[in-house]
Amino acid sequence: MRQPVRSTAAVPSLVSSIQSSKVPAAVGRVDPLSAMNSVIVTSAGTLGLPALMQVIIDKAIPSGDYGMTIRVSGYMLILVAASIFCGIATARLAAEISMGVGRNMRREVFTKVQSFSQKEIDTFTTSSLITRTNSDINLVQQFLDTCMQIAVMAPVMCLIGMIMAISTSGTVCWMGMST
């Protein structure tokens, strides 16, 4: 009876192959500066809408300046459109990177399996090899895609949020941080 090999035995070799020259090939078409700019605009759009709403509520409505309300509402629509466009661009860039890494991992697994001797092939089951080349790498791809979107967006949103909090009311912000 065949004994399946533990799935964790292949992980270090795959991680080392990802860390080698294979990842830059996956990132080749993606411009890191445009990716970061799209994340910044998406974050600014998410955090900028409440600030613009504050202008409408605090200044335009009490003074009865409906022209200001229309202007600020127009700025809000432009900000939302830019934020949506950049959010889509960020998701696309993260997907391109994760698909490239998945492609390279599949190529590495296929090359490795092709170099097995008959004795090594007998230690694996066919279903195990199929799972490794499809499901496992697909899960890694999905993890990378999600992680790249969240791990890049969270610090940018934190930084923009802190800047906005300090600019809105610095003393209250510093008092809140000290407690």
Foldseek 3Di string as FASTA:
>chain_A
DAAADDPVVCVVVLVVLCVPPQLCVLLVVPDPVLLLVLLLLLLCLVVVVVVLVCCCVVPCVVVVPVVSVVVSVVVNVVSVVSNVVSVVVNLVSQLSSLVSSLVSSLVVLVVVVVPDDPVVVRNHDPVRSVCVNPVVSVVSSVVSSVCSSCVSNVVSNVVVVLVVVCVVPVVVSVVVVVD
